Amino acid sequence: MRILGVGDNVVDRYLQLGLMFPGGQALNVAVAARRAGAEAAYLGALGTDAAGRHVLAALQAEGVDVERLRIVPGANAYGVVKLDDGDRVFVGSSLGVSRFRLTIEDLAYAATFDIAHSSESSGLELDIPDLAKHVPVSFDFATNREPAYLRELLPHVTVACFSASNLDNEETEAFLRNVVDQGPRVALATRGAADTVLVEGHRVLRQPALPARVVDTLGAGDAFTGRFLVGFINDEDRTATLKQAAKTAAHTCESYGAFGHGCPFARGEASATSATAAS
């Protein structure tokens, strides 16, 4: 059971805490899958600054393979986070050196995995069709439900993931049915405190959010996806998989950062972050 995260990474700089935590949708899913027992790897681009070095150290500590990782001269990508009663609010960001394109060697590497997960934050839309020729693709569309965007990508996606807290149950189910009609085997939408909805073929499943001592919601959806993909690859009972994924998401909400590994960021970085947040 091998799962590959392909694409974005950041350090999330928490203004109130003075700490930065490794994150990014593709990276978070790889870590969550590894923690759930999969062999996991991350393919992306890190900077040569302290933030990039910290992300690399966190990946190594989590046992995520970094064979195809790029180290690019320059600053790592970052997001600026403020917490509002435990809910994360992004108030600034920089892509840093995170953008890249997949090579022939990357695609051959991806072909050794059971599934590859990427995201709308990764900037790899042009590469998804080629990636899907080598490995089944899971893709996190976040809140992007633009029909033209979906039409381009959904025929190449096996597992389509969305954030849909602004849709009610009926709207979510109708939307996901339309998604599945365009190609994916599975479509699921996490919805914050509301039920997660999954559509697979003609089957619709709902999983309530589980109780948690919420400190920070950042990364909860990615944790859900990572655990779900482990069950998907193992052909676990879907209801049981959704429950385990919800437990993983709830646990993620009980600590800061997407998966921990917080460390202070330097005073100069704090000044730059404050300027970005204020602009």
C-alpha atoms as a PDB file:
ATOM      1  CA  MET A   1       0.000   0.000   0.000  1.00  0.00           C
ATOM      2  CA  ARG A   2       1.833   3.056  -1.319  1.00  0.00           C
ATOM      3  CA  ILE A   3       0.505   6.618  -1.412  1.00  0.00           C
ATOM      4  CA  LEU A   4       2.268   9.587  -2.993  1.00  0.00           C
ATOM      5  CA  GLY A   5       1.636  13.258  -2.191  1.00  0.00           C
ATOM      6  CA  VAL A   6       2.442  15.392  -5.240  1.00  0.00           C
ATOM      7  CA  GLY A   7       2.552  19.162  -5.122  1.00  0.00           C
ATOM      8  CA  ASP A   8       2.188  21.870  -2.521  1.00  0.00           C
ATOM      9  CA  ASN A   9       3.910  22.401   0.776  1.00  0.00           C
ATOM     10  CA  VAL A  10       4.179  25.400   3.079  1.00  0.00           C
ATOM     11  CA  VAL A  11       5.137  26.416   6.531  1.00  0.00           C
ATOM     12  CA  ASP A  12       2.107  27.860   8.283  1.00  0.00           C
ATOM     13  CA  ARG A  13       3.243  30.837  10.382  1.00  0.00           C
ATOM     14  CA  TYR A  14       0.958  31.377  13.368  1.00  0.00           C
ATOM     15  CA  LEU A  15       1.069  35.040  14.348  1.00  0.00           C
ATOM     16  CA  GLN A  16      -0.322  34.575  17.862  1.00  0.00           C
ATOM     17  CA  LEU A  17       2.056  31.726  18.670  1.00  0.00           C
ATOM     18  CA  GLY A  18       5.235  32.887  16.957  1.00  0.00           C
ATOM     19  CA  LEU A  19       5.574  29.348  15.615  1.00  0.00           C
ATOM     20  CA  MET A  20       5.639  27.813  12.145  1.00  0.00           C
ATOM     21  CA  PHE A  21       4.319  24.358  11.320  1.00  0.00           C
ATOM     22  CA  PRO A  22       4.880  22.278   8.155  1.00  0.00           C
ATOM     23  CA  GLY A  23       1.817  21.889   5.958  1.00  0.00           C
ATOM     24  CA  GLY A  24       0.314  22.001   2.483  1.00  0.00           C
ATOM     25  CA  GLN A  25      -2.483  19.815   1.108  1.00  0.00           C
ATOM     26  CA  ALA A  26      -0.349  17.283  -0.780  1.00  0.00           C
ATOM     27  CA  LEU A  27       2.220  17.039   1.990  1.00  0.00           C
ATOM     28  CA  ASN A  28      -0.381  16.743   4.763  1.00  0.00           C
ATOM     29  CA  VAL A  29      -2.126  13.866   3.005  1.00  0.00           C
ATOM     30  CA  ALA A  30       1.161  11.985   2.650  1.00  0.00           C
ATOM     31  CA  VAL A  31       1.862  12.373   6.365  1.00  0.00           C
ATOM     32  CA  ALA A  32      -1.663  11.315   7.351  1.00  0.00           C
ATOM     33  CA  ALA A  33      -1.413   8.239   5.124  1.00  0.00           C
ATOM     34  CA  ARG A  34       1.935   7.326   6.665  1.00  0.00           C
ATOM     35  CA  ARG A  35       0.528   7.658  10.169  1.00  0.00           C
ATOM     36  CA  ALA A  36      -2.340   5.370   9.119  1.00  0.00           C
ATOM     37  CA  GLY A  37       0.110   2.640   8.112  1.00  0.00           C
ATOM     38  CA  ALA A  38       0.783   3.261   4.426  1.00  0.00           C
ATOM     39  CA  GLU A  39       4.140   3.591   2.768  1.00  0.00           C
ATOM     40  CA  ALA A  40       4.036   7.251   1.846  1.00  0.00           C
ATOM     41  CA  ALA A  41       6.211   9.642  -0.123  1.00  0.00           C
ATOM     42  CA  TYR A  42       6.162  13.332  -0.937  1.00  0.00           C
ATOM     43  CA  LEU A  43       7.179  14.813  -4.284  1.00  0.00           C
ATOM     44  CA  GLY A  44       7.513  18.595  -4.151  1.00  0.00           C
ATOM     45  CA  ALA A  45       9.883  21.537  -3.921  1.00  0.00           C
ATOM     46  CA  LEU A  46      11.409  22.915  -0.719  1.00  0.00           C
ATOM     47  CA  GLY A  47      13.436  26.075  -0.239  1.00  0.00           C
ATOM     48  CA  THR A  48      16.952  26.294   1.139  1.00  0.00           C
ATOM     49  CA  ASP A  49      15.921  28.576   4.027  1.00  0.00           C
ATOM     50  CA  ALA A  50      15.190  27.583   7.628  1.00  0.00           C
ATOM     51  CA  ALA A  51      11.551  26.909   6.742  1.00  0.00           C
ATOM     52  CA  GLY A  52      12.485  24.470   3.971  1.00  0.00           C
ATOM     53  CA  ARG A  53      14.948  22.697   6.237  1.00  0.00           C
ATOM     54  CA  HIS A  54      12.282  22.395   8.911  1.00  0.00           C
ATOM     55  CA  VAL A  55       9.757  20.853   6.510  1.00  0.00           C
ATOM     56  CA  LEU A  56      12.361  18.322   5.378  1.00  0.00           C
ATOM     57  CA  ALA A  57      13.195  17.399   8.983  1.00  0.00           C
ATOM     58  CA  ALA A  58       9.488  16.914   9.754  1.00  0.00           C
ATOM     59  CA  LEU A  59       9.018  14.631   6.734  1.00  0.00           C
ATOM     60  CA  GLN A  60      11.993  12.547   7.768  1.00  0.00           C
ATOM     61  CA  ALA A  61      10.739  12.347  11.352  1.00  0.00           C
ATOM     62  CA  GLU A  62       7.359  11.126  10.083  1.00  0.00           C
ATOM     63  CA  GLY A  63       8.948   8.422   7.923  1.00  0.00           C
ATOM     64  CA  VAL A  64       7.745   9.904   4.636  1.00  0.00           C
ATOM     65  CA  ASP A  65      10.002   9.038   1.690  1.00  0.00           C
ATOM     66  CA  VAL A  66      11.616  12.057   0.011  1.00  0.00           C
ATOM     67  CA  GLU A  67      13.461  10.334  -2.845  1.00  0.00           C
ATOM     68  CA  ARG A  68      12.050  12.684  -5.500  1.00  0.00           C
ATOM     69  CA  LEU A  69      12.046  15.833  -3.390  1.00  0.00           C
ATOM     70  CA  ARG A  70      13.464  18.980  -4.994  1.00  0.00           C
ATOM     71  CA  ILE A  71      15.590  21.400  -2.972  1.00  0.00           C
ATOM     72  CA  VAL A  72      15.452  24.740  -4.779  1.00  0.00           C
ATOM     73  CA  PRO A  73      17.559  27.816  -3.884  1.00  0.00           C
ATOM     74  CA  GLY A  74      15.305  30.417  -2.314  1.00  0.00           C
ATOM     75  CA  ALA A  75      12.542  30.802   0.227  1.00  0.00           C
ATOM     76  CA  ASN A  76      10.076  28.068   1.062  1.00  0.00           C
ATOM     77  CA  ALA A  77       6.375  28.680   0.529  1.00  0.00           C
ATOM     78  CA  TYR A  78       4.477  29.912   3.564  1.00  0.00           C
ATOM     79  CA  GLY A  79       1.022  30.816   4.774  1.00  0.00           C
ATOM     80  CA  VAL A  80       0.186  33.303   7.509  1.00  0.00           C
ATOM     81  CA  VAL A  81      -2.403  32.039   9.985  1.00  0.00           C
ATOM     82  CA  LYS A  82      -4.536  33.718  12.615  1.00  0.00           C
ATOM     83  CA  LEU A  83      -6.774  31.679  14.897  1.00  0.00           C
ATOM     84  CA  ASP A  84     -10.354  32.728  15.624  1.00  0.00           C
ATOM     85  CA  ASP A  85     -11.780  30.469  18.369  1.00  0.00           C
ATOM     86  CA  GLY A  86      -9.802  27.551  16.921  1.00  0.00           C
ATOM     87  CA  ASP A  87     -10.780  28.195  13.312  1.00  0.00           C
ATOM     88  CA  ARG A  88      -7.790  29.025  11.116  1.00  0.00           C
ATOM     89  CA  VAL A  89      -7.920  32.139   8.975  1.00  0.00           C
ATOM     90  CA  PHE A  90      -5.273  32.702   6.288  1.00  0.00           C
ATOM     91  CA  VAL A  91      -4.197  36.341   6.166  1.00  0.00           C
ATOM     92  CA  GLY A  92      -1.146  36.191   3.896  1.00  0.00           C
ATOM     93  CA  SER A  93       0.994  33.816   1.846  1.00  0.00           C
ATOM     94  CA  SER A  94       3.891  33.360  -0.562  1.00  0.00           C
ATOM     95  CA  LEU A  95       4.422  30.583  -3.106  1.00  0.00           C
ATOM     96  CA  GLY A  96       8.195  30.747  -2.614  1.00  0.00           C
ATOM     97  CA  VAL A  97       9.936  28.083  -4.696  1.00  0.00           C
ATOM     98  CA  SER A  98       7.078  25.584  -4.464  1.00  0.00           C
ATOM     99  CA  ARG A  99       5.959  25.577  -8.103  1.00  0.00           C
ATOM    100  CA  PHE A 100       7.360  22.884 -10.428  1.00  0.00           C
ATOM    101  CA  ARG A 101       6.387  20.610 -13.316  1.00  0.00           C
ATOM    102  CA  LEU A 102       6.495  16.829 -13.381  1.00  0.00           C
ATOM    103  CA  THR A 103       9.282  15.174 -15.371  1.00  0.00           C
ATOM    104  CA  ILE A 104       9.381  11.821 -17.137  1.00  0.00           C
ATOM    105  CA  GLU A 105      11.356  10.527 -14.164  1.00  0.00           C
ATOM    106  CA  ASP A 106       8.699  11.803 -11.757  1.00  0.00           C
ATOM    107  CA  LEU A 107       5.969  10.032 -13.697  1.00  0.00           C
ATOM    108  CA  ALA A 108       7.901   6.769 -13.714  1.00  0.00           C
ATOM    109  CA  TYR A 109       8.342   7.103  -9.946  1.00  0.00           C
ATOM    110  CA  ALA A 110       4.633   7.836  -9.461  1.00  0.00           C
ATOM    111  CA  ALA A 111       3.789   4.644 -11.350  1.00  0.00           C
ATOM    112  CA  THR A 112       5.219   2.617  -8.441  1.00  0.00           C
ATOM    113  CA  PHE A 113       2.427   3.829  -6.137  1.00  0.00           C
ATOM    114  CA  ASP A 114      -1.176   2.727  -5.632  1.00  0.00           C
ATOM    115  CA  ILE A 115      -2.496   6.289  -5.764  1.00  0.00           C
ATOM    116  CA  ALA A 116      -1.105   9.827  -6.058  1.00  0.00           C
ATOM    117  CA  HIS A 117      -2.748  12.785  -4.346  1.00  0.00           C
ATOM    118  CA  SER A 118      -2.493  16.373  -5.570  1.00  0.00           C
ATOM    119  CA  SER A 119      -4.500  19.557  -5.118  1.00  0.00           C
ATOM    120  CA  GLU A 120      -5.713  22.796  -6.623  1.00  0.00           C
ATOM    121  CA  SER A 121      -3.077  24.548  -4.495  1.00  0.00           C
ATOM    122  CA  SER A 122      -0.266  22.706  -6.257  1.00  0.00           C
ATOM    123  CA  GLY A 123      -0.413  24.327  -9.694  1.00  0.00           C
ATOM    124  CA  LEU A 124      -0.045  20.982 -11.465  1.00  0.00           C
ATOM    125  CA  GLU A 125      -3.290  20.999 -13.455  1.00  0.00           C
ATOM    126  CA  LEU A 126      -1.456  20.677 -16.778  1.00  0.00           C
ATOM    127  CA  ASP A 127       0.336  17.558 -15.525  1.00  0.00           C
ATOM    128  CA  ILE A 128      -2.667  15.721 -14.082  1.00  0.00           C
ATOM    129  CA  PRO A 129      -3.654  14.000 -17.371  1.00  0.00           C
ATOM    130  CA  ASP A 130      -0.138  12.563 -17.752  1.00  0.00           C
ATOM    131  CA  LEU A 131       0.002  11.608 -14.077  1.00  0.00           C
ATOM    132  CA  ALA A 132      -3.302   9.749 -14.409  1.00  0.00           C
ATOM    133  CA  LYS A 133      -1.831   7.617 -17.217  1.00  0.00           C
ATOM    134  CA  HIS A 134       0.683   6.240 -14.704  1.00  0.00           C
ATOM    135  CA  VAL A 135      -1.236   6.019 -11.416  1.00  0.00           C
ATOM    136  CA  PRO A 136      -4.780   6.594 -10.115  1.00  0.00           C
ATOM    137  CA  VAL A 137      -5.133  10.216  -9.004  1.00  0.00           C
ATOM    138  CA  SER A 138      -6.799  11.682  -5.960  1.00  0.00           C
ATOM    139  CA  PHE A 139      -7.312  15.435  -6.245  1.00  0.00           C
ATOM    140  CA  ASP A 140      -8.390  18.011  -3.682  1.00  0.00           C
ATOM    141  CA  PHE A 141     -10.430  20.736  -5.370  1.00  0.00           C
ATOM    142  CA  ALA A 142     -10.963  22.557  -2.037  1.00  0.00           C
ATOM    143  CA  THR A 143     -13.794  25.048  -2.658  1.00  0.00           C
ATOM    144  CA  ASN A 144     -13.226  25.318  -6.418  1.00  0.00           C
ATOM    145  CA  ARG A 145     -16.436  24.196  -8.088  1.00  0.00           C
ATOM    146  CA  GLU A 146     -16.023  26.196 -11.300  1.00  0.00           C
ATOM    147  CA  PRO A 147     -17.601  24.007 -14.038  1.00  0.00           C
ATOM    148  CA  ALA A 148     -14.867  24.640 -16.623  1.00  0.00           C
ATOM    149  CA  TYR A 149     -12.148  23.753 -14.106  1.00  0.00           C
ATOM    150  CA  LEU A 150     -13.945  20.545 -13.175  1.00  0.00           C
ATOM    151  CA  ARG A 151     -14.507  19.527 -16.797  1.00  0.00           C
ATOM    152  CA  GLU A 152     -10.779  19.723 -17.498  1.00  0.00           C
ATOM    153  CA  LEU A 153      -9.715  17.585 -14.520  1.00  0.00           C
ATOM    154  CA  LEU A 154     -12.488  15.220 -13.458  1.00  0.00           C
ATOM    155  CA  PRO A 155     -12.063  12.737 -16.355  1.00  0.00           C
ATOM    156  CA  HIS A 156      -8.528  12.074 -15.061  1.00  0.00           C
ATOM    157  CA  VAL A 157      -9.389  11.802 -11.350  1.00  0.00           C
ATOM    158  CA  THR A 158     -10.289   8.650  -9.419  1.00  0.00           C
ATOM    159  CA  VAL A 159     -11.015  10.236  -6.017  1.00  0.00           C
ATOM    160  CA  ALA A 160     -12.335  13.811  -6.070  1.00  0.00           C
ATOM    161  CA  CYS A 161     -12.247  15.717  -2.765  1.00  0.00           C
ATOM    162  CA  PHE A 162     -14.020  18.978  -1.948  1.00  0.00           C
ATOM    163  CA  SER A 163     -14.672  21.375   0.910  1.00  0.00           C
ATOM    164  CA  ALA A 164     -18.358  22.285   0.936  1.00  0.00           C
ATOM    165  CA  SER A 165     -19.335  23.755   4.291  1.00  0.00           C
ATOM    166  CA  ASN A 166     -21.601  26.263   2.505  1.00  0.00           C
ATOM    167  CA  LEU A 167     -23.782  23.528   0.952  1.00  0.00           C
ATOM    168  CA  ASP A 168     -26.600  21.690   2.726  1.00  0.00           C
ATOM    169  CA  ASN A 169     -27.005  17.911   2.540  1.00  0.00           C
ATOM    170  CA  GLU A 170     -29.181  17.887  -0.585  1.00  0.00           C
ATOM    171  CA  GLU A 171     -26.985  20.388  -2.416  1.00  0.00           C
ATOM    172  CA  THR A 172     -23.848  18.466  -1.511  1.00  0.00           C
ATOM    173  CA  GLU A 173     -25.272  15.143  -2.677  1.00  0.00           C
ATOM    174  CA  ALA A 174     -26.477  16.614  -5.970  1.00  0.00           C
ATOM    175  CA  PHE A 175     -23.131  18.252  -6.606  1.00  0.00           C
ATOM    176  CA  LEU A 176     -21.158  15.074  -5.849  1.00  0.00           C
ATOM    177  CA  ARG A 177     -23.437  12.984  -8.075  1.00  0.00           C
ATOM    178  CA  ASN A 178     -22.657  15.374 -10.905  1.00  0.00           C
ATOM    179  CA  VAL A 179     -18.946  15.024 -10.144  1.00  0.00           C
ATOM    180  CA  VAL A 180     -19.086  11.223 -10.310  1.00  0.00           C
ATOM    181  CA  ASP A 181     -20.963  11.435 -13.604  1.00  0.00           C
ATOM    182  CA  GLN A 182     -17.892  13.205 -15.045  1.00  0.00           C
ATOM    183  CA  GLY A 183     -15.429  10.422 -14.315  1.00  0.00           C
ATOM    184  CA  PRO A 184     -14.275   9.886 -10.718  1.00  0.00           C
ATOM    185  CA  ARG A 185     -15.024   6.622  -8.981  1.00  0.00           C
ATOM    186  CA  VAL A 186     -15.521   8.426  -5.666  1.00  0.00           C
ATOM    187  CA  ALA A 187     -16.420  12.001  -4.751  1.00  0.00           C
ATOM    188  CA  LEU A 188     -16.418  13.219  -1.177  1.00  0.00           C
ATOM    189  CA  ALA A 189     -16.972  16.554   0.524  1.00  0.00           C
ATOM    190  CA  THR A 190     -15.872  17.474   4.013  1.00  0.00           C
ATOM    191  CA  ARG A 191     -18.054  20.195   5.534  1.00  0.00           C
ATOM    192  CA  GLY A 192     -16.519  21.331   8.813  1.00  0.00           C
ATOM    193  CA  ALA A 193     -18.863  20.473  11.671  1.00  0.00           C
ATOM    194  CA  ALA A 194     -21.517  19.142   9.263  1.00  0.00           C
ATOM    195  CA  ASP A 195     -21.596  15.607   7.842  1.00  0.00           C
ATOM    196  CA  THR A 196     -19.007  14.519   5.329  1.00  0.00           C
ATOM    197  CA  VAL A 197     -20.800  13.180   2.244  1.00  0.00           C
ATOM    198  CA  LEU A 198     -19.437  10.471  -0.063  1.00  0.00           C
ATOM    199  CA  VAL A 199     -20.876   9.396  -3.397  1.00  0.00           C
ATOM    200  CA  GLU A 200     -19.619   6.215  -5.060  1.00  0.00           C
ATOM    201  CA  GLY A 201     -21.648   4.942  -7.978  1.00  0.00           C
ATOM    202  CA  HIS A 202     -25.273   4.985  -6.828  1.00  0.00           C
ATOM    203  CA  ARG A 203     -24.323   4.825  -3.150  1.00  0.00           C
ATOM    204  CA  VAL A 204     -24.399   7.846  -0.842  1.00  0.00           C
ATOM    205  CA  LEU A 205     -22.826   7.727   2.625  1.00  0.00           C
ATOM    206  CA  ARG A 206     -22.706  10.361   5.346  1.00  0.00           C
ATOM    207  CA  GLN A 207     -20.280  10.574   8.237  1.00  0.00           C
ATOM    208  CA  PRO A 208     -20.958  12.987  11.110  1.00  0.00           C
ATOM    209  CA  ALA A 209     -18.077  15.019  12.474  1.00  0.00           C
ATOM    210  CA  LEU A 210     -16.868  13.510  15.763  1.00  0.00           C
ATOM    211  CA  PRO A 211     -16.446  15.408  19.027  1.00  0.00           C
ATOM    212  CA  ALA A 212     -13.088  17.070  19.579  1.00  0.00           C
ATOM    213  CA  ARG A 213     -11.460  19.591  21.901  1.00  0.00           C
ATOM    214  CA  VAL A 214     -10.892  22.014  19.058  1.00  0.00           C
ATOM    215  CA  VAL A 215      -7.672  24.019  19.227  1.00  0.00           C
ATOM    216  CA  ASP A 216      -6.951  24.457  15.524  1.00  0.00           C
ATOM    217  CA  THR A 217      -8.927  23.198  12.511  1.00  0.00           C
ATOM    218  CA  LEU A 218      -6.036  23.579  10.057  1.00  0.00           C
ATOM    219  CA  GLY A 219      -5.251  20.313   8.269  1.00  0.00           C
ATOM    220  CA  ALA A 220      -8.338  18.435   9.448  1.00  0.00           C
ATOM    221  CA  GLY A 221      -9.664  17.921   5.923  1.00  0.00           C
ATOM    222  CA  ASP A 222      -6.278  16.704   4.699  1.00  0.00           C
ATOM    223  CA  ALA A 223      -6.052  14.288   7.630  1.00  0.00           C
ATOM    224  CA  PHE A 224      -9.496  12.964   6.694  1.00  0.00           C
ATOM    225  CA  THR A 225      -8.405  12.496   3.087  1.00  0.00           C
ATOM    226  CA  GLY A 226      -5.151  10.747   3.992  1.00  0.00           C
ATOM    227  CA  ARG A 227      -6.924   8.215   6.199  1.00  0.00           C
ATOM    228  CA  PHE A 228      -9.701   7.762   3.639  1.00  0.00           C
ATOM    229  CA  LEU A 229      -7.190   6.966   0.890  1.00  0.00           C
ATOM    230  CA  VAL A 230      -5.609   4.248   3.036  1.00  0.00           C
ATOM    231  CA  GLY A 231      -9.003   2.594   3.377  1.00  0.00           C
ATOM    232  CA  PHE A 232      -9.768   3.132  -0.300  1.00  0.00           C
ATOM    233  CA  ILE A 233      -6.544   1.409  -1.391  1.00  0.00           C
ATOM    234  CA  ASN A 234      -7.126  -1.434   1.078  1.00  0.00           C
ATOM    235  CA  ASP A 235     -10.746  -1.795  -0.101  1.00  0.00           C
ATOM    236  CA  GLU A 236     -11.948  -1.392   3.474  1.00  0.00           C
ATOM    237  CA  ASP A 237     -15.638  -1.167   4.264  1.00  0.00           C
ATOM    238  CA  ARG A 238     -16.499   2.399   3.310  1.00  0.00           C
ATOM    239  CA  THR A 239     -18.550   3.123   6.420  1.00  0.00           C
ATOM    240  CA  ALA A 240     -15.715   1.971   8.667  1.00  0.00           C
ATOM    241  CA  THR A 241     -13.199   3.965   6.642  1.00  0.00           C
ATOM    242  CA  LEU A 242     -15.235   7.153   6.907  1.00  0.00           C
ATOM    243  CA  LYS A 243     -15.511   6.741  10.675  1.00  0.00           C
ATOM    244  CA  GLN A 244     -11.765   6.234  11.038  1.00  0.00           C
ATOM    245  CA  ALA A 245     -11.133   9.237   8.804  1.00  0.00           C
ATOM    246  CA  ALA A 246     -13.440  11.345  10.974  1.00  0.00           C
ATOM    247  CA  LYS A 247     -11.541  10.222  14.076  1.00  0.00           C
ATOM    248  CA  THR A 248      -8.283  11.237  12.429  1.00  0.00           C
ATOM    249  CA  ALA A 249      -9.693  14.651  11.516  1.00  0.00           C
ATOM    250  CA  ALA A 250     -11.029  15.205  15.030  1.00  0.00           C
ATOM    251  CA  HIS A 251      -7.655  14.325  16.534  1.00  0.00           C
ATOM    252  CA  THR A 252      -5.953  16.793  14.192  1.00  0.00           C
ATOM    253  CA  CYS A 253      -8.182  19.593  15.514  1.00  0.00           C
ATOM    254  CA  GLU A 254      -6.892  19.011  19.038  1.00  0.00           C
ATOM    255  CA  SER A 255      -3.391  20.414  18.447  1.00  0.00           C
ATOM    256  CA  TYR A 256      -1.760  23.243  16.538  1.00  0.00           C
ATOM    257  CA  GLY A 257      -0.624  22.840  12.958  1.00  0.00           C
ATOM    258  CA  ALA A 258      -1.595  20.264  10.369  1.00  0.00           C
ATOM    259  CA  PHE A 259       0.443  17.535  12.055  1.00  0.00           C
ATOM    260  CA  GLY A 260       2.577  19.206  14.718  1.00  0.00           C
ATOM    261  CA  HIS A 261       6.328  19.864  14.497  1.00  0.00           C
ATOM    262  CA  GLY A 262       6.070  23.521  15.439  1.00  0.00           C
ATOM    263  CA  CYS A 263       9.191  25.652  15.771  1.00  0.00           C
ATOM    264  CA  PRO A 264       9.817  29.388  16.196  1.00  0.00           C
ATOM    265  CA  PHE A 265      10.362  31.514  13.128  1.00  0.00           C
ATOM    266  CA  ALA A 266      13.041  34.197  13.175  1.00  0.00           C
ATOM    267  CA  ARG A 267      12.369  37.813  14.134  1.00  0.00           C
ATOM    268  CA  GLY A 268      13.055  38.970  10.567  1.00  0.00           C
ATOM    269  CA  GLU A 269      10.546  36.450   9.219  1.00  0.00           C
ATOM    270  CA  ALA A 270       8.013  37.656  11.782  1.00  0.00           C
ATOM    271  CA  SER A 271       8.409  41.229  10.526  1.00  0.00           C
ATOM    272  CA  ALA A 272       7.975  40.165   6.905  1.00  0.00           C
ATOM    273  CA  THR A 273       4.955  38.089   7.852  1.00  0.00           C
ATOM    274  CA  SER A 274       3.328  41.000   9.658  1.00  0.00           C
ATOM    275  CA  ALA A 275       3.874  43.223   6.631  1.00  0.00           C
ATOM    276  CA  THR A 276       2.341  40.609   4.335  1.00  0.00           C
ATOM    277  CA  ALA A 277      -0.636  40.145   6.631  1.00  0.00           C
ATOM    278  CA  ALA A 278      -1.240  43.880   6.820  1.00  0.00           C
ATOM    279  CA  SER A 279      -1.077  44.447   3.065  1.00  0.00           C
END
